[in-house]
Amino acid sequence: MNSGIFADYKLFAGNGNRELAEEIAGIMGRRLGEAEVTKFSDGEVSVSLYKTVRGLDVYIIQPTCHPVNDNLMELCIMMDAAKRASAGRINAVIPYYGYARQDRKAKARDPITAKLVADILSAAGADRIVTMDLHASQIQGYFDIPVDHLKGMPILARYFRQKLEDEVDNLVIVSPDHGSVSRARSFAHPFEAPIAIIDKRRPKANVSEVMNIIGDIEGKVCILTDDIVDTAGTICNAAEILIKKGAKKVFAGATHAVLSGPAIERINNSMIEEMVLLNTIPLPEEKKIDKIKTLSVAPLFAEAIISIFTNDSVSRLFGER
């Protein structure tokens, strides 16, 4: 293995998804670096790294999920600590990139917060970003440092190929809106399945109104696919209209389980047979219901980190494996 100038590496984790970080470290045969990430009495983040990182390749595993600002500050302060401790290279491993949906000016005087966060991460000391299923892939261009953009859809596709083996000739992959069409096409490729599109209008934030279906779904087994499930209104409404229009069954697969507000209640009461999510965001016990299955991204991130450290190709991990 060619490890370049870095003799060794260390993995650290904030409080964003400690369970995932420990799983990644276990796959790599390592322990997480000794660090303490707490808060002072006034809410300020306190970080202490208890082992040397001088000259080492450092990987800090921290999704910027809820509480978004706390997790983002933890990540930035951990990177600053590593930079000031003379780490050789600082890699921010961000399974879920918060603020990604604020990627453009939708109306006058809107901020582009996804770009602001990119600037903040770079200023804090990141030399590389490793993330998964950005809401808008052009966010990679907001950085002036390398970004490894891993794909979660192949993990979901493998699961559904096994689960729906007997229905593979009757599958339709459904995009819940026009913005997810390219994602649905990619998801459909290994199944050699057709796609359908839900044509909807959104009168205001987190409220969706389903209007029509483009494509043939009558008598079909449908898989709805998206990158994020937030309040679950879009995906649950989509499942309802698919069943009303004659679909045989509806499943759903998504990468990031934000699951805010009424999401769990909506999913539980929906027409969806099973919703499969990845563990980029931790799922608390109160949100673990029978309709939700979680798959792990730890093996993929572990392989990516090893490839980065050894200067091997990471591009082979970006698509269907």
Protein backbone atom coordinates (compact mmCIF):
# COMPACT_ATOMS: atom_id res chain seq x y z
CA MET A 1 0.00 0.00 0.00
CA ASN A 2 1.18 3.48 -0.84
CA SER A 3 0.38 5.68 2.16
CA GLY A 4 2.27 8.71 0.82
CA ILE A 5 3.84 10.94 3.44
CA PHE A 6 1.39 9.90 6.16
CA ALA A 7 2.75 7.16 8.38
CA ASP A 8 -0.53 6.52 10.15
CA TYR A 9 -4.08 7.78 10.59
CA LYS A 10 -6.50 8.39 13.42
CA LEU A 11 -10.29 8.42 13.55
CA PHE A 12 -12.22 10.82 15.76
CA ALA A 13 -15.93 11.40 16.25
CA GLY A 14 -18.16 14.12 17.58
CA ASN A 15 -21.56 13.48 19.10
CA GLY A 16 -23.51 13.60 15.81
CA ASN A 17 -23.56 9.83 15.17
CA ARG A 18 -21.24 8.09 17.58
CA GLU A 19 -22.68 4.64 16.84
CA LEU A 20 -21.87 4.92 13.12
CA ALA A 21 -18.37 6.21 13.88
CA GLU A 22 -17.67 3.26 16.17
CA GLU A 23 -18.96 0.85 13.53
CA ILE A 24 -16.65 2.39 10.90
CA ALA A 25 -13.69 2.18 13.29
CA GLY A 26 -14.51 -1.45 14.11
CA ILE A 27 -14.56 -2.43 10.43
CA MET A 28 -11.17 -0.75 10.01
CA GLY A 29 -9.77 -2.59 13.03
CA ARG A 30 -9.23 0.65 14.92
CA ARG A 31 -10.52 2.42 18.00
CA LEU A 32 -11.78 5.97 17.86
CA GLY A 33 -9.17 8.44 19.01
CA GLU A 34 -9.39 9.60 22.59
CA ALA A 35 -11.28 12.87 22.56
CA GLU A 36 -13.79 14.67 24.72
CA VAL A 37 -16.47 16.79 23.08
CA THR A 38 -18.66 18.48 25.68
CA LYS A 39 -20.22 21.86 26.42
CA PHE A 40 -19.42 24.58 28.90
CA SER A 41 -22.21 25.78 31.16
CA ASP A 42 -23.09 28.57 28.71
CA GLY A 43 -23.48 26.14 25.79
CA GLU A 44 -20.12 26.70 24.11
CA VAL A 45 -18.53 23.57 22.64
CA SER A 46 -15.42 22.24 24.38
CA VAL A 47 -13.04 19.89 22.56
CA SER A 48 -10.00 18.07 23.96
CA LEU A 49 -7.85 15.64 21.93
CA TYR A 50 -5.94 13.37 24.29
CA LYS A 51 -3.51 11.73 21.85
CA THR A 52 -0.97 13.24 19.47
CA VAL A 53 -2.01 13.81 15.86
CA ARG A 54 1.20 15.49 14.72
CA GLY A 55 1.86 14.62 11.08
CA LEU A 56 -0.99 12.08 10.98
CA ASP A 57 -3.90 11.69 8.56
CA VAL A 58 -6.93 12.61 10.70
CA TYR A 59 -10.53 11.60 9.91
CA ILE A 60 -13.29 13.30 11.91
CA ILE A 61 -16.65 11.52 11.52
CA GLN A 62 -19.54 13.87 12.16
CA PRO A 63 -22.85 14.30 10.31
CA THR A 64 -24.31 17.79 10.61
CA CYS A 65 -27.80 16.55 11.44
CA HIS A 66 -30.09 17.67 14.29
CA PRO A 67 -29.05 19.60 16.33
CA VAL A 68 -27.49 20.98 13.15
CA ASN A 69 -25.65 24.01 14.52
CA ASP A 70 -24.24 22.13 17.52
CA ASN A 71 -22.93 19.32 15.32
CA LEU A 72 -21.49 21.75 12.79
CA MET A 73 -19.65 23.66 15.51
CA GLU A 74 -18.34 20.44 17.05
CA LEU A 75 -16.92 19.44 13.67
CA CYS A 76 -15.32 22.83 13.06
CA ILE A 77 -13.79 23.04 16.52
CA MET A 78 -12.46 19.47 16.31
CA MET A 79 -10.81 20.32 12.99
CA ASP A 80 -9.34 23.49 14.44
CA ALA A 81 -7.95 21.49 17.37
CA ALA A 82 -6.37 18.99 14.98
CA LYS A 83 -4.94 21.75 12.79
CA ARG A 84 -3.37 23.52 15.77
CA ALA A 85 -1.96 20.17 16.91
CA SER A 86 -0.09 19.89 13.56
CA ALA A 87 -2.17 17.12 11.98
CA GLY A 88 -0.78 16.20 8.55
CA ARG A 89 -4.12 16.20 6.72
CA ILE A 90 -7.63 16.77 8.09
CA ASN A 91 -10.50 14.87 6.48
CA ALA A 92 -14.07 15.81 7.44
CA VAL A 93 -16.24 12.70 7.06
CA ILE A 94 -19.78 14.08 6.90
CA PRO A 95 -22.31 11.29 6.18
CA TYR A 96 -25.14 13.87 6.15
CA TYR A 97 -24.37 17.42 5.01
CA GLY A 98 -26.75 19.80 6.77
CA TYR A 99 -27.99 22.96 5.01
CA ALA A 100 -27.65 21.15 1.65
CA ARG A 101 -31.20 22.10 0.68
CA GLN A 102 -30.25 25.79 0.80
CA ASP A 103 -28.12 25.41 -2.32
CA ARG A 104 -29.43 28.30 -4.47
CA LYS A 105 -31.33 31.57 -4.38
CA ALA A 106 -34.97 30.56 -4.76
CA LYS A 107 -36.11 34.16 -4.35
CA ALA A 108 -34.62 37.59 -3.91
CA ARG A 109 -32.30 38.08 -0.92
CA ASP A 110 -32.07 34.36 -0.11
CA PRO A 111 -28.74 33.15 1.33
CA ILE A 112 -26.90 30.22 -0.25
CA THR A 113 -26.19 28.56 3.06
CA ALA A 114 -24.74 25.36 1.58
CA LYS A 115 -21.92 27.50 0.14
CA LEU A 116 -21.46 29.35 3.42
CA VAL A 117 -21.08 26.05 5.28
CA ALA A 118 -18.50 24.92 2.68
CA ASP A 119 -16.51 28.08 3.32
CA ILE A 120 -16.74 27.58 7.09
CA LEU A 121 -15.50 23.98 6.87
CA SER A 122 -12.56 25.01 4.70
CA ALA A 123 -11.67 27.89 7.03
CA ALA A 124 -11.82 25.54 10.03
CA GLY A 125 -9.08 23.40 8.51
CA ALA A 126 -10.65 20.71 6.30
CA ASP A 127 -8.29 19.42 3.59
CA ARG A 128 -10.88 16.99 2.19
CA ILE A 129 -14.61 16.30 2.54
CA VAL A 130 -16.11 12.80 2.42
CA THR A 131 -19.89 12.85 2.26
CA MET A 132 -22.89 10.94 0.89
CA ASP A 133 -25.81 11.82 -1.38
CA LEU A 134 -25.69 15.59 -1.32
CA HIS A 135 -29.14 17.04 -1.97
CA ALA A 136 -27.65 18.90 -4.94
CA SER A 137 -24.51 17.41 -6.46
CA GLN A 138 -23.25 20.86 -7.52
CA ILE A 139 -22.47 21.53 -3.84
CA GLN A 140 -19.18 19.73 -4.56
CA GLY A 141 -18.24 22.80 -6.57
CA TYR A 142 -18.73 25.06 -3.55
CA PHE A 143 -15.45 23.69 -2.17
CA ASP A 144 -11.92 24.48 -3.29
CA ILE A 145 -10.72 21.23 -1.72
CA PRO A 146 -11.34 17.62 -2.82
CA VAL A 147 -14.84 16.23 -2.17
CA ASP A 148 -15.53 12.49 -2.28
CA HIS A 149 -19.27 12.14 -2.92
CA LEU A 150 -20.33 8.59 -2.03
CA LYS A 151 -23.60 7.12 -3.25
CA GLY A 152 -26.09 5.43 -0.94
CA MET A 153 -28.50 4.25 -3.65
CA PRO A 154 -26.52 1.07 -4.54
CA ILE A 155 -26.89 -0.09 -0.92
CA LEU A 156 -30.66 0.36 -1.17
CA ALA A 157 -30.78 -1.25 -4.62
CA ARG A 158 -28.98 -4.39 -3.40
CA TYR A 159 -31.46 -4.74 -0.56
CA PHE A 160 -34.53 -4.37 -2.79
CA ARG A 161 -33.07 -6.75 -5.41
CA GLN A 162 -33.01 -9.47 -2.78
CA LYS A 163 -36.30 -8.58 -1.10
CA LEU A 164 -38.30 -8.24 -4.32
CA GLU A 165 -36.57 -10.99 -6.30
CA ASP A 166 -39.90 -12.50 -7.35
CA GLU A 167 -41.25 -9.11 -8.49
CA VAL A 168 -38.23 -7.89 -10.43
CA ASP A 169 -40.09 -8.00 -13.75
CA ASN A 170 -42.99 -6.04 -12.28
CA LEU A 171 -41.05 -3.17 -10.70
CA VAL A 172 -41.39 0.53 -11.37
CA ILE A 173 -39.02 3.03 -9.73
CA VAL A 174 -40.91 6.21 -8.84
CA SER A 175 -39.54 9.72 -8.38
CA PRO A 176 -41.67 11.62 -5.82
CA ASP A 177 -41.05 14.89 -7.70
CA HIS A 178 -39.30 16.27 -10.78
CA GLY A 179 -36.14 17.08 -8.79
CA SER A 180 -35.45 13.40 -8.08
CA VAL A 181 -35.82 12.09 -11.64
CA SER A 182 -32.09 11.55 -12.25
CA ARG A 183 -31.84 9.75 -8.91
CA ALA A 184 -34.75 7.48 -9.88
CA ARG A 185 -33.12 6.72 -13.25
CA SER A 186 -29.87 5.72 -11.54
CA PHE A 187 -31.76 3.58 -9.05
CA ALA A 188 -33.73 1.87 -11.84
CA HIS A 189 -30.62 0.97 -13.88
CA PRO A 190 -29.57 -2.23 -12.03
CA PHE A 191 -33.19 -3.46 -12.12
CA GLU A 192 -33.60 -2.57 -15.81
CA ALA A 193 -36.92 -1.18 -14.64
CA PRO A 194 -39.00 1.71 -16.00
CA ILE A 195 -39.52 4.88 -13.98
CA ALA A 196 -42.55 6.97 -13.15
CA ILE A 197 -42.73 10.55 -11.90
CA ILE A 198 -45.09 12.17 -9.40
CA ASP A 199 -46.05 15.59 -10.69
CA LYS A 200 -46.80 17.76 -7.67
CA ARG A 201 -47.02 21.35 -6.59
CA ARG A 202 -45.71 22.59 -3.26
CA PRO A 203 -47.75 25.60 -2.04
CA LYS A 204 -45.34 26.27 0.86
CA ALA A 205 -42.41 24.72 2.70
CA ASN A 206 -43.01 21.17 4.03
CA VAL A 207 -46.47 21.03 2.43
CA SER A 208 -46.86 19.02 -0.78
CA GLU A 209 -49.84 18.59 -3.08
CA VAL A 210 -49.79 15.61 -5.43
CA MET A 211 -51.26 16.33 -8.84
CA ASN A 212 -50.57 13.55 -11.37
CA ILE A 213 -48.49 10.47 -12.27
CA ILE A 214 -46.32 10.32 -15.37
CA GLY A 215 -45.77 6.67 -16.29
CA ASP A 216 -47.53 3.31 -16.04
CA ILE A 217 -47.85 2.02 -12.49
CA GLU A 218 -51.11 0.03 -12.64
CA GLY A 219 -50.62 -3.44 -11.16
CA LYS A 220 -46.94 -2.69 -10.53
CA VAL A 221 -44.75 -2.93 -7.43
CA CYS A 222 -43.45 0.61 -6.93
CA ILE A 223 -40.32 1.76 -5.15
CA LEU A 224 -40.30 5.45 -4.24
CA THR A 225 -36.77 6.81 -4.00
CA ASP A 226 -35.42 10.05 -2.57
CA ASP A 227 -32.30 11.39 -0.84
CA ILE A 228 -33.96 12.84 2.28
CA VAL A 229 -37.10 11.99 4.21
CA ASP A 230 -37.87 15.00 6.39
CA THR A 231 -41.52 15.43 7.42
CA ALA A 232 -42.43 12.51 5.07
CA GLY A 233 -45.36 14.43 3.57
CA THR A 234 -44.11 14.16 -0.02
CA ILE A 235 -43.28 10.45 0.05
CA CYS A 236 -46.43 9.41 1.98
CA ASN A 237 -48.70 11.43 -0.30
CA ALA A 238 -46.97 9.89 -3.28
CA ALA A 239 -47.57 6.38 -1.93
CA GLU A 240 -51.25 7.16 -1.41
CA ILE A 241 -51.82 8.33 -4.98
CA LEU A 242 -49.86 5.38 -6.38
CA ILE A 243 -52.19 2.94 -4.60
CA LYS A 244 -55.25 4.94 -5.68
CA LYS A 245 -54.05 4.81 -9.29
CA GLY A 246 -53.70 1.03 -9.18
CA ALA A 247 -50.22 0.18 -7.91
CA LYS A 248 -50.00 -3.30 -6.37
CA LYS A 249 -47.59 -2.38 -3.55
CA VAL A 250 -45.44 0.60 -2.60
CA PHE A 251 -42.02 0.51 -0.96
CA ALA A 252 -39.73 3.47 -0.27
CA GLY A 253 -35.98 3.93 -0.02
CA ALA A 254 -33.99 7.01 0.98
CA THR A 255 -30.52 7.87 2.23
CA HIS A 256 -31.01 10.41 5.01
CA ALA A 257 -33.55 9.83 7.79
CA VAL A 258 -34.19 13.40 8.99
CA LEU A 259 -37.69 12.37 10.13
CA SER A 260 -38.78 15.62 11.74
CA GLY A 261 -42.20 16.73 13.01
CA PRO A 262 -45.03 14.32 12.10
CA ALA A 263 -42.83 12.04 9.96
CA ILE A 264 -43.09 8.89 12.07
CA GLU A 265 -46.86 9.14 12.44
CA ARG A 266 -47.26 9.74 8.72
CA ILE A 267 -45.07 6.78 7.78
CA ASN A 268 -46.87 4.51 10.24
CA ASN A 269 -50.26 5.46 8.77
CA SER A 270 -49.14 5.49 5.15
CA MET A 271 -49.67 3.05 2.27
CA ILE A 272 -45.93 2.26 2.29
CA GLU A 273 -45.21 -1.42 2.97
CA GLU A 274 -41.64 -0.75 4.13
CA MET A 275 -39.38 2.29 4.19
CA VAL A 276 -35.67 1.52 3.96
CA LEU A 277 -33.27 4.19 5.22
CA LEU A 278 -29.51 4.43 5.71
CA ASN A 279 -27.88 5.23 9.04
CA THR A 280 -26.13 8.47 8.02
CA ILE A 281 -28.31 10.06 10.73
CA PRO A 282 -28.88 8.26 14.05
CA LEU A 283 -32.39 6.90 14.54
CA PRO A 284 -33.54 7.30 18.16
CA GLU A 285 -35.52 4.51 19.81
CA GLU A 286 -38.80 6.44 19.69
CA LYS A 287 -38.54 6.59 15.88
CA LYS A 288 -37.88 2.89 15.37
CA ILE A 289 -41.13 1.48 14.02
CA ASP A 290 -41.93 -1.77 12.20
CA LYS A 291 -42.30 -0.03 8.82
CA ILE A 292 -38.76 1.39 8.93
CA LYS A 293 -35.68 -0.71 8.19
CA THR A 294 -32.18 0.75 8.53
CA LEU A 295 -29.13 -0.31 6.52
CA SER A 296 -25.57 0.61 7.44
CA VAL A 297 -23.23 2.83 5.40
CA ALA A 298 -20.27 1.98 7.65
CA PRO A 299 -18.60 -0.54 5.27
CA LEU A 300 -18.68 1.97 2.41
CA PHE A 301 -17.23 4.81 4.50
CA ALA A 302 -14.59 2.50 5.97
CA GLU A 303 -13.51 1.46 2.47
CA ALA A 304 -13.44 5.09 1.33
CA ILE A 305 -11.26 6.15 4.27
CA ILE A 306 -8.80 3.31 3.66
CA SER A 307 -8.64 4.20 -0.04
CA ILE A 308 -7.97 7.87 0.75
CA PHE A 309 -5.25 7.03 3.25
CA THR A 310 -3.50 4.60 0.88
CA ASN A 311 -3.92 6.94 -2.12
CA ASP A 312 -6.00 4.33 -3.94
CA SER A 313 -8.89 5.17 -6.27
CA VAL A 314 -12.11 6.22 -4.55
CA SER A 315 -14.12 6.61 -7.77
CA ARG A 316 -14.84 2.88 -7.87
CA LEU A 317 -17.01 3.42 -4.76
CA PHE A 318 -19.21 6.10 -6.29
CA GLY A 319 -21.63 3.90 -8.19
CA GLU A 320 -23.05 0.41 -8.40
CA ARG A 321 -20.74 -2.11 -6.78
